[in-house]
Amino acid sequence: MGAFLDTPKTEKCNEHGAGNGLRYGVASMQGWRLEMEDAHKAITGLDGGLTDWSYFAVFDGHAGALVSAHSSKHLLECIMHTEEFKAENVIKGIHSGFLRLDDEMRDLPEMSSGNDKSGSTAVCAFISPRNVYIANCGDSRAVLCSSGNPIFSTRDHKPGLPAEKERIQKAGGSVMIQRVNGSLAVSRALGDYEYKNVEGCGPCEQLVSPEPEIFVLDRQDENDEFLVLACDGIWDVMTNEDLCNFIHSRLLITDDLVAVTNQVIDTCLYKGSRDNMSIVLVTFPGAPKPSPEAQEKETALEKALERKIKEIVEQQEGKENFDFVQMLKFLLCVELPNLPPGGGLAAKQTFIERVFRKVCPSRADSVSFGCDYPSL
């Protein structure tokens, strides 16, 4: 878990679509991790007479990608095939579907042989014409933004939470350095079967539980703006308020949801996230629309940044130690108007890199991640 690449892999996997009055954009990136272990799912229009329902999910794998990949392919069908879901008891259907998937994955050849010890968090949402059903297992998180504010968030399942700690201890385990038995940083997850072998304990009473926490929200079409599902690589460096403010501000600039989600991931990378990152952004009809006023402010910010970068380069011309990192440190001390809320200077770093390469081509090779790269 502690091993990292020398430089992050910044290539992105993107997806987008629309249906049922919703639009969505997806971005994921390996980042500093040695492997990409995240997975996701996005569907507008479900089978079984539920064409006006949609489903979105993010899975954050650990110790391997098997569980996250398998869950992204099969969690939806496990939920929809339960008798409870078929009987329109959505909450019980989601609950049973999680437990069924977790039980069935034990029989996968890689699992039964003991060769794979991976697990995965899961956060998913069913959006119907009237409601949003959200289920969370682990520390991936869902946040709903309405009228410009985060009005709902799932709770991260960490071992230090009193109820989680009590269950772990009852199962004969311990919580050390905020981890299950000093090792696993989440108290609920799919997979992780080495933590699910306590005799006499049911599936939801084990050291690590596959039980989802489920919420039902009424849709408010006049106020609801967007729903975010993201892994902890995002939440490690952005609060709920930060991310909602940032996305709200970006939607005033562009209606390209892939561009917005890519900006979120890049911003989190520059803010210091060292994890895989995945985000699903779902916009409702009440989402902000591009505004000429906001676009003008963004243009003014970029012009101000370009002027300041040229000024810094001119002042430092000829100095041996001057490079891109030094230039960033100078910029951090500058008061700049109209920086994206929640993102700050980190949100404009891609633009800053482009300008620096143009105005200081002799130092362009210094634009790279290093151990002393400043976290914005």
Protein backbone atom coordinates (compact mmCIF):
# COMPACT_ATOMS: atom_id res chain seq x y z
CA MET A 1 0.00 0.00 0.00
CA GLY A 2 2.92 2.33 0.62
CA ALA A 3 4.72 1.90 -2.70
CA PHE A 4 4.59 4.66 -5.30
CA LEU A 5 5.83 5.36 -8.80
CA ASP A 6 8.65 7.84 -9.43
CA THR A 7 6.23 9.98 -11.43
CA PRO A 8 2.44 9.72 -11.59
CA LYS A 9 0.61 8.16 -14.52
CA THR A 10 -1.72 10.94 -15.61
CA GLU A 11 -3.47 9.32 -18.57
CA LYS A 12 -7.22 9.35 -17.95
CA CYS A 13 -10.04 6.96 -18.65
CA ASN A 14 -13.15 8.92 -19.58
CA GLU A 15 -16.78 8.18 -20.24
CA HIS A 16 -19.90 10.29 -20.68
CA GLY A 17 -23.55 9.90 -21.51
CA ALA A 18 -27.08 11.15 -20.97
CA GLY A 19 -30.56 9.81 -20.34
CA ASN A 20 -33.61 10.23 -18.13
CA GLY A 21 -32.95 13.96 -17.89
CA LEU A 22 -29.48 13.30 -16.44
CA ARG A 23 -26.03 13.86 -17.86
CA TYR A 24 -22.88 12.22 -16.54
CA GLY A 25 -19.13 12.38 -16.93
CA VAL A 26 -16.50 9.99 -15.61
CA ALA A 27 -12.76 10.35 -15.10
CA SER A 28 -10.26 7.97 -13.55
CA MET A 29 -6.48 8.06 -13.27
CA GLN A 30 -3.82 5.76 -11.82
CA GLY A 31 -1.77 8.60 -10.36
CA TRP A 32 1.16 7.70 -8.11
CA ARG A 33 0.05 4.13 -7.32
CA LEU A 34 1.86 1.14 -8.81
CA GLU A 35 -1.40 -0.28 -10.17
CA MET A 36 -4.84 1.00 -11.11
CA GLU A 37 -7.35 -0.69 -8.80
CA ASP A 38 -10.43 1.53 -9.23
CA ALA A 39 -13.50 0.63 -11.29
CA HIS A 40 -16.83 2.27 -12.05
CA LYS A 41 -20.21 1.80 -13.70
CA ALA A 42 -22.66 4.27 -15.27
CA ILE A 43 -25.98 3.31 -16.87
CA THR A 44 -28.99 5.42 -17.79
CA GLY A 45 -32.01 3.21 -18.39
CA LEU A 46 -32.18 -0.11 -16.55
CA ASP A 47 -33.69 -3.40 -17.65
CA GLY A 48 -36.79 -4.99 -16.15
CA GLY A 49 -39.18 -2.17 -16.92
CA LEU A 50 -36.97 0.42 -15.22
CA THR A 51 -35.96 2.42 -18.27
CA ASP A 52 -36.57 5.65 -16.32
CA TRP A 53 -34.07 4.57 -13.62
CA SER A 54 -30.30 5.09 -13.73
CA TYR A 55 -27.38 3.53 -11.86
CA PHE A 56 -23.92 4.88 -11.05
CA ALA A 57 -21.13 3.41 -8.94
CA VAL A 58 -17.46 3.74 -7.97
CA PHE A 59 -15.32 0.91 -6.59
CA ASP A 60 -11.94 1.50 -4.95
CA GLY A 61 -9.89 -1.68 -4.83
CA HIS A 62 -7.03 -2.47 -2.48
CA ALA A 63 -4.45 -5.28 -2.48
CA GLY A 64 -5.46 -5.97 -6.09
CA ALA A 65 -8.09 -5.11 -8.68
CA LEU A 66 -10.08 -8.35 -8.85
CA VAL A 67 -12.84 -7.44 -6.39
CA SER A 68 -13.34 -3.91 -7.68
CA ALA A 69 -13.49 -5.10 -11.31
CA HIS A 70 -15.85 -7.99 -10.53
CA SER A 71 -18.08 -5.75 -8.42
CA SER A 72 -18.35 -3.13 -11.15
CA LYS A 73 -19.61 -5.83 -13.51
CA HIS A 74 -21.94 -7.72 -11.19
CA LEU A 75 -23.21 -5.63 -8.26
CA LEU A 76 -26.10 -4.16 -10.25
CA GLU A 77 -27.38 -7.54 -11.41
CA CYS A 78 -27.00 -9.00 -7.90
CA ILE A 79 -29.21 -6.22 -6.55
CA MET A 80 -31.79 -6.31 -9.34
CA HIS A 81 -32.12 -10.11 -9.17
CA THR A 82 -33.04 -10.16 -5.47
CA GLU A 83 -36.65 -10.97 -4.63
CA GLU A 84 -36.82 -7.80 -2.55
CA PHE A 85 -35.83 -5.53 -5.43
CA LYS A 86 -38.23 -7.31 -7.77
CA ALA A 87 -40.95 -6.69 -5.18
CA GLU A 88 -40.07 -2.95 -5.29
CA ASN A 89 -38.45 -2.99 -1.85
CA VAL A 90 -35.41 -1.14 -3.10
CA ILE A 91 -33.64 -0.69 0.24
CA LYS A 92 -33.77 -4.38 1.17
CA GLY A 93 -32.89 -5.31 -2.39
CA ILE A 94 -29.72 -3.21 -2.28
CA HIS A 95 -28.80 -4.65 1.12
CA SER A 96 -29.33 -8.24 -0.02
CA GLY A 97 -27.52 -7.61 -3.30
CA PHE A 98 -24.35 -6.45 -1.55
CA LEU A 99 -24.32 -9.48 0.74
CA ARG A 100 -25.08 -11.85 -2.15
CA LEU A 101 -22.25 -10.48 -4.27
CA ASP A 102 -19.82 -10.71 -1.37
CA ASP A 103 -20.83 -14.30 -0.71
CA GLU A 104 -20.65 -15.33 -4.37
CA MET A 105 -17.18 -13.82 -4.89
CA ARG A 106 -15.76 -16.23 -2.30
CA ASP A 107 -16.20 -18.99 -4.88
CA LEU A 108 -14.19 -17.27 -7.60
CA PRO A 109 -11.19 -19.51 -8.43
CA GLU A 110 -8.70 -16.80 -7.46
CA MET A 111 -10.40 -16.37 -4.09
CA SER A 112 -10.98 -20.02 -3.23
CA SER A 113 -7.34 -20.80 -3.99
CA GLY A 114 -6.25 -18.14 -1.53
CA ASN A 115 -4.05 -16.42 -4.11
CA ASP A 116 -6.04 -13.18 -4.17
CA LYS A 117 -6.57 -11.16 -1.02
CA SER A 118 -8.06 -8.05 -2.59
CA GLY A 119 -11.04 -6.06 -1.43
CA SER A 120 -12.95 -3.01 -2.57
CA THR A 121 -15.04 -0.20 -1.22
CA ALA A 122 -18.28 0.51 -3.07
CA VAL A 123 -20.56 3.51 -3.37
CA CYS A 124 -23.53 3.41 -5.72
CA ALA A 125 -26.67 5.35 -6.53
CA PHE A 126 -29.99 4.43 -8.13
CA ILE A 127 -31.77 7.50 -9.47
CA SER A 128 -35.50 7.13 -10.09
CA PRO A 129 -37.89 9.85 -11.25
CA ARG A 130 -38.73 10.62 -7.61
CA ASN A 131 -35.85 9.41 -5.44
CA VAL A 132 -32.12 8.91 -5.15
CA TYR A 133 -31.09 5.69 -3.40
CA ILE A 134 -27.47 5.76 -2.24
CA ALA A 135 -25.52 2.85 -0.75
CA ASN A 136 -22.03 3.04 0.70
CA CYS A 137 -19.63 0.36 1.93
CA GLY A 138 -16.21 1.70 2.89
CA ASP A 139 -14.66 5.14 2.43
CA SER A 140 -15.62 6.02 -1.11
CA ARG A 141 -18.19 8.77 -0.81
CA ALA A 142 -21.31 10.21 -2.41
CA VAL A 143 -22.22 13.88 -2.06
CA LEU A 144 -25.35 15.61 -3.35
CA CYS A 145 -25.11 19.31 -4.15
CA SER A 146 -28.33 21.32 -4.12
CA SER A 147 -28.73 25.10 -4.42
CA GLY A 148 -24.95 25.44 -4.42
CA ASN A 149 -24.37 23.50 -1.20
CA PRO A 150 -23.58 19.89 -0.22
CA ILE A 151 -26.85 18.87 1.45
CA PHE A 152 -26.05 15.17 1.83
CA SER A 153 -22.97 13.00 2.22
CA THR A 154 -22.42 9.35 2.98
CA ARG A 155 -20.35 8.43 6.03
CA ASP A 156 -16.87 6.95 5.58
CA HIS A 157 -16.62 3.57 7.28
CA LYS A 158 -13.39 3.86 9.23
CA PRO A 159 -12.26 1.44 11.98
CA GLY A 160 -12.11 4.24 14.56
CA LEU A 161 -15.84 4.97 14.46
CA PRO A 162 -17.36 3.76 17.75
CA ALA A 163 -19.87 1.33 16.21
CA GLU A 164 -17.30 -0.03 13.77
CA LYS A 165 -14.68 -0.44 16.49
CA GLU A 166 -17.17 -2.23 18.73
CA ARG A 167 -18.01 -4.74 15.99
CA ILE A 168 -14.33 -5.35 15.23
CA GLN A 169 -13.53 -5.98 18.89
CA LYS A 170 -16.53 -8.28 19.36
CA ALA A 171 -15.20 -10.34 16.45
CA GLY A 172 -11.87 -10.70 18.23
CA GLY A 173 -9.98 -8.03 16.34
CA SER A 174 -8.41 -4.74 17.29
CA VAL A 175 -8.03 -1.22 15.94
CA MET A 176 -4.44 -0.01 15.84
CA ILE A 177 -3.18 3.10 14.05
CA GLN A 178 -6.78 3.58 12.85
CA ARG A 179 -6.67 0.25 10.96
CA VAL A 180 -8.30 -3.14 11.40
CA ASN A 181 -5.66 -5.26 13.16
CA GLY A 182 -3.21 -2.49 12.29
CA SER A 183 -3.51 -3.28 8.58
CA LEU A 184 -6.75 -2.38 6.73
CA ALA A 185 -7.84 1.27 6.72
CA VAL A 186 -11.57 0.59 6.11
CA SER A 187 -14.00 -1.30 8.31
CA ARG A 188 -16.48 -2.24 5.58
CA ALA A 189 -15.67 -3.59 2.14
CA LEU A 190 -16.46 -6.23 -0.41
CA GLY A 191 -13.91 -9.05 -0.54
CA ASP A 192 -11.12 -8.95 2.08
CA TYR A 193 -12.03 -12.50 3.05
CA GLU A 194 -9.08 -12.94 5.39
CA TYR A 195 -11.03 -10.61 7.72
CA LYS A 196 -14.29 -12.54 7.33
CA ASN A 197 -13.58 -15.96 8.82
CA VAL A 198 -14.69 -15.57 12.43
CA GLU A 199 -16.77 -18.62 13.37
CA GLY A 200 -20.12 -17.89 15.01
CA CYS A 201 -20.34 -14.41 13.48
CA GLY A 202 -22.69 -13.54 10.64
CA PRO A 203 -21.50 -11.73 7.51
CA CYS A 204 -22.26 -8.31 9.00
CA GLU A 205 -20.52 -9.15 12.31
CA GLN A 206 -17.07 -9.91 10.93
CA LEU A 207 -13.91 -7.83 11.35
CA VAL A 208 -14.73 -6.29 7.98
CA SER A 209 -18.38 -6.10 6.99
CA PRO A 210 -19.85 -6.10 3.48
CA GLU A 211 -23.01 -4.40 4.75
CA PRO A 212 -23.89 -1.16 2.96
CA GLU A 213 -25.29 1.90 4.66
CA ILE A 214 -28.32 2.92 2.59
CA PHE A 215 -30.01 6.30 2.25
CA VAL A 216 -33.11 7.49 0.40
CA LEU A 217 -33.42 11.10 -0.72
CA ASP A 218 -36.37 12.82 -2.36
CA ARG A 219 -35.48 14.51 -5.61
CA GLN A 220 -35.98 18.28 -5.67
CA ASP A 221 -35.83 19.18 -9.32
CA GLU A 222 -35.87 22.91 -8.72
CA ASN A 223 -32.80 22.77 -6.44
CA ASP A 224 -30.77 19.60 -7.13
CA GLU A 225 -27.63 20.37 -9.12
CA PHE A 226 -25.36 17.33 -9.18
CA LEU A 227 -24.35 14.11 -7.47
CA VAL A 228 -20.71 13.12 -7.04
CA LEU A 229 -19.48 9.57 -6.45
CA ALA A 230 -15.74 9.39 -5.83
CA CYS A 231 -13.04 7.29 -4.19
CA ASP A 232 -10.94 8.50 -1.27
CA GLY A 233 -8.17 9.67 -3.59
CA ILE A 234 -10.43 12.67 -4.21
CA TRP A 235 -11.65 13.15 -0.64
CA ASP A 236 -8.12 12.92 0.80
CA VAL A 237 -7.43 16.45 -0.47
CA MET A 238 -10.88 18.01 -0.93
CA THR A 239 -13.71 18.50 1.53
CA ASN A 240 -17.33 18.08 0.49
CA GLU A 241 -17.65 21.87 0.38
CA ASP A 242 -14.45 22.27 -1.63
CA LEU A 243 -15.53 19.80 -4.28
CA CYS A 244 -19.09 21.12 -4.58
CA ASN A 245 -17.85 24.70 -4.87
CA PHE A 246 -15.24 23.71 -7.43
CA ILE A 247 -17.61 21.71 -9.62
CA HIS A 248 -20.28 24.42 -9.39
CA SER A 249 -17.74 26.99 -10.57
CA ARG A 250 -16.55 24.77 -13.45
CA LEU A 251 -20.12 24.15 -14.65
CA LEU A 252 -20.44 27.91 -15.05
CA ILE A 253 -17.48 27.73 -17.45
CA THR A 254 -18.33 24.64 -19.50
CA ASP A 255 -21.04 22.01 -19.98
CA ASP A 256 -18.41 19.39 -20.94
CA LEU A 257 -18.67 17.01 -17.97
CA VAL A 258 -15.60 15.01 -18.98
CA ALA A 259 -13.58 18.23 -18.95
CA VAL A 260 -14.94 19.05 -15.49
CA THR A 261 -14.14 15.61 -14.05
CA ASN A 262 -10.66 15.72 -15.58
CA GLN A 263 -10.11 19.09 -13.93
CA VAL A 264 -11.18 17.63 -10.58
CA ILE A 265 -8.63 14.81 -10.86
CA ASP A 266 -5.81 17.08 -12.03
CA THR A 267 -6.55 19.53 -9.23
CA CYS A 268 -6.49 16.75 -6.63
CA LEU A 269 -3.19 15.49 -8.03
CA TYR A 270 -1.67 18.95 -7.69
CA LYS A 271 -3.15 19.27 -4.19
CA GLY A 272 -1.12 16.22 -3.21
CA SER A 273 -3.30 13.13 -3.65
CA ARG A 274 -1.12 10.03 -3.93
CA ASP A 275 -3.90 7.52 -4.62
CA ASN A 276 -5.80 6.21 -7.61
CA MET A 277 -8.59 8.65 -8.40
CA SER A 278 -12.04 8.06 -9.85
CA ILE A 279 -15.07 10.33 -10.01
CA VAL A 280 -18.56 10.02 -11.48
CA LEU A 281 -20.38 13.35 -11.86
CA VAL A 282 -24.12 13.22 -12.50
CA THR A 283 -25.91 16.48 -13.26
CA PHE A 284 -29.62 17.11 -12.76
CA PRO A 285 -31.73 19.54 -14.82
CA GLY A 286 -31.09 22.21 -12.17
CA ALA A 287 -27.31 22.14 -12.64
CA PRO A 288 -25.54 25.45 -13.31
CA LYS A 289 -25.28 26.45 -16.96
CA PRO A 290 -22.30 28.18 -18.60
CA SER A 291 -22.36 31.90 -17.85
CA PRO A 292 -20.72 34.62 -19.98
CA GLU A 293 -19.87 36.52 -16.79
CA ALA A 294 -18.10 33.51 -15.26
CA GLN A 295 -16.30 32.82 -18.53
CA GLU A 296 -15.08 36.42 -18.67
CA LYS A 297 -13.72 36.13 -15.11
CA GLU A 298 -11.91 32.92 -16.06
CA THR A 299 -10.36 34.63 -19.08
CA ALA A 300 -9.29 37.56 -16.88
CA LEU A 301 -7.70 35.14 -14.39
CA GLU A 302 -5.72 33.39 -17.09
CA LYS A 303 -4.50 36.71 -18.51
CA ALA A 304 -3.42 37.80 -15.03
CA LEU A 305 -1.61 34.50 -14.50
CA GLU A 306 0.20 34.80 -17.81
CA ARG A 307 1.31 38.36 -17.02
CA LYS A 308 2.57 37.31 -13.60
CA ILE A 309 4.45 34.29 -14.94
CA LYS A 310 6.19 36.46 -17.56
CA GLU A 311 7.07 38.97 -14.85
CA ILE A 312 8.55 36.26 -12.58
CA VAL A 313 10.54 34.72 -15.43
CA GLU A 314 11.96 38.13 -16.39
CA GLN A 315 12.94 38.84 -12.75
CA GLN A 316 14.65 35.44 -12.35
CA GLU A 317 16.36 35.38 -15.74
CA GLY A 318 19.92 34.15 -15.50
CA LYS A 319 19.59 32.63 -12.02
CA GLU A 320 20.84 29.04 -12.03
CA ASN A 321 18.42 27.64 -9.45
CA PHE A 322 15.30 29.04 -11.07
CA ASP A 323 12.95 26.37 -12.36
CA PHE A 324 9.24 25.57 -12.54
CA VAL A 325 8.99 24.66 -8.86
CA GLN A 326 10.57 27.98 -7.88
CA MET A 327 8.15 29.80 -10.15
CA LEU A 328 5.20 28.04 -8.47
CA LYS A 329 6.47 29.09 -5.05
CA PHE A 330 6.56 32.70 -6.22
CA LEU A 331 3.01 32.40 -7.56
CA LEU A 332 1.78 31.06 -4.23
CA CYS A 333 2.67 34.40 -2.68
CA VAL A 334 0.66 36.40 -5.22
CA GLU A 335 -2.91 37.60 -4.66
CA LEU A 336 -4.87 36.50 -7.71
CA PRO A 337 -8.55 37.35 -8.26
CA ASN A 338 -11.14 34.79 -9.38
CA LEU A 339 -9.24 31.60 -8.52
CA PRO A 340 -11.66 28.66 -8.70
CA PRO A 341 -13.28 28.17 -5.28
CA GLY A 342 -12.30 24.88 -3.70
CA GLY A 343 -9.50 24.43 -6.22
CA GLY A 344 -7.33 27.49 -5.84
CA LEU A 345 -4.07 27.77 -7.75
CA ALA A 346 -3.90 23.97 -8.14
CA ALA A 347 -6.93 24.14 -10.43
CA LYS A 348 -4.96 26.27 -12.91
CA GLN A 349 -1.69 24.35 -12.82
CA THR A 350 -2.14 22.75 -16.24
CA PHE A 351 -2.57 26.24 -17.68
CA ILE A 352 0.42 27.48 -15.66
CA GLU A 353 2.60 24.67 -17.03
CA ARG A 354 1.61 25.53 -20.60
CA VAL A 355 2.44 29.21 -20.15
CA PHE A 356 5.75 28.46 -18.43
CA ARG A 357 6.86 26.23 -21.30
CA LYS A 358 6.03 29.02 -23.73
CA VAL A 359 7.69 31.92 -21.93
CA CYS A 360 10.63 29.97 -20.49
CA PRO A 361 11.50 27.23 -23.01
CA SER A 362 15.05 26.90 -21.66
CA ARG A 363 13.62 25.59 -18.34
CA ALA A 364 10.68 23.65 -19.82
CA ASP A 365 12.25 20.33 -18.79
CA SER A 366 11.82 21.36 -15.13
CA VAL A 367 8.04 20.95 -15.49
CA SER A 368 7.81 17.52 -13.88
CA PHE A 369 6.80 15.96 -10.61
CA GLY A 370 9.56 15.55 -8.05
CA CYS A 371 10.03 14.95 -4.35
CA ASP A 372 10.03 18.68 -3.61
CA TYR A 373 7.04 19.47 -5.82
CA PRO A 374 4.91 21.96 -3.87
CA SER A 375 1.44 20.86 -2.88
CA LEU A 376 -0.96 23.62 -3.86
